[in-house]
Amino acid sequence: MIIKKFYGVHPNGENLIKTYSNQNLYIKKVGTNQIYSEAIDVESNDCDYLETEEPIVEN
């Protein structure tokens, strides 16, 4: 499941939102080919993400 949590405040005053998978899977930004283990966006950006089927492998 995709989780979105408050992460902090950007120097410009906007809230930062951390998005990640609680299943330890990579996430993909909707409408792009961008893949992340986690994403941090300004709240006003309101990006959508989907879980992939690829597990995050830690080195």
Protein backbone atom coordinates (compact mmCIF):
# COMPACT_ATOMS: atom_id res chain seq x y z
CA MET A 1 0.00 0.00 0.00
CA ILE A 2 1.18 3.53 -0.74
CA ILE A 3 1.79 5.58 2.41
CA LYS A 4 1.95 9.39 2.49
CA LYS A 5 3.27 11.12 5.62
CA PHE A 6 4.29 14.61 6.63
CA TYR A 7 8.09 14.84 6.27
CA GLY A 8 8.95 18.41 7.21
CA VAL A 9 8.77 21.98 5.98
CA HIS A 10 10.58 23.26 2.89
CA PRO A 11 12.54 26.53 3.38
CA ASN A 12 9.81 28.28 1.32
CA GLY A 13 7.27 27.30 3.99
CA GLU A 14 5.49 24.52 2.10
CA ASN A 15 4.89 21.16 3.75
CA LEU A 16 6.92 18.22 2.43
CA ILE A 17 5.20 14.85 1.98
CA LYS A 18 7.09 11.54 1.96
CA THR A 19 5.54 8.77 -0.18
CA TYR A 20 6.61 5.12 0.02
CA SER A 21 5.39 1.53 -0.07
CA ASN A 22 4.73 -0.25 3.21
CA GLN A 23 5.47 -3.53 1.37
CA ASN A 24 9.11 -2.49 0.63
CA LEU A 25 8.37 -2.17 -3.10
CA TYR A 26 9.54 0.52 -5.51
CA ILE A 27 6.96 3.16 -6.39
CA LYS A 28 6.33 4.65 -9.84
CA LYS A 29 5.21 8.24 -10.41
CA VAL A 30 1.91 8.15 -12.35
CA GLY A 31 2.24 9.37 -15.94
CA THR A 32 6.04 8.90 -16.02
CA ASN A 33 8.63 6.13 -16.04
CA GLN A 34 10.24 7.47 -12.86
CA ILE A 35 10.82 4.78 -10.21
CA TYR A 36 11.70 5.52 -6.57
CA SER A 37 12.22 3.71 -3.29
CA GLU A 38 10.59 6.77 -1.69
CA ALA A 39 9.62 10.21 -2.89
CA ILE A 40 9.50 13.56 -1.15
CA ASP A 41 7.35 16.25 -2.75
CA VAL A 42 5.96 19.63 -1.74
CA GLU A 43 2.35 19.22 -0.67
CA SER A 44 1.03 21.56 -3.38
CA ASN A 45 2.54 19.29 -6.07
CA ASP A 46 0.19 16.42 -5.06
CA CYS A 47 1.97 13.72 -7.10
CA ASP A 48 0.38 10.28 -7.45
CA TYR A 49 2.37 7.05 -7.19
CA LEU A 50 1.67 3.38 -7.76
CA GLU A 51 3.44 0.40 -6.22
CA THR A 52 5.49 -1.69 -8.62
CA GLU A 53 6.03 -5.42 -8.16
CA GLU A 54 9.78 -4.90 -7.77
CA PRO A 55 11.10 -5.27 -4.22
CA ILE A 56 13.63 -2.77 -2.89
CA VAL A 57 16.95 -4.56 -2.46
CA GLU A 58 19.33 -3.02 0.08
CA ASN A 59 23.08 -3.37 -0.56
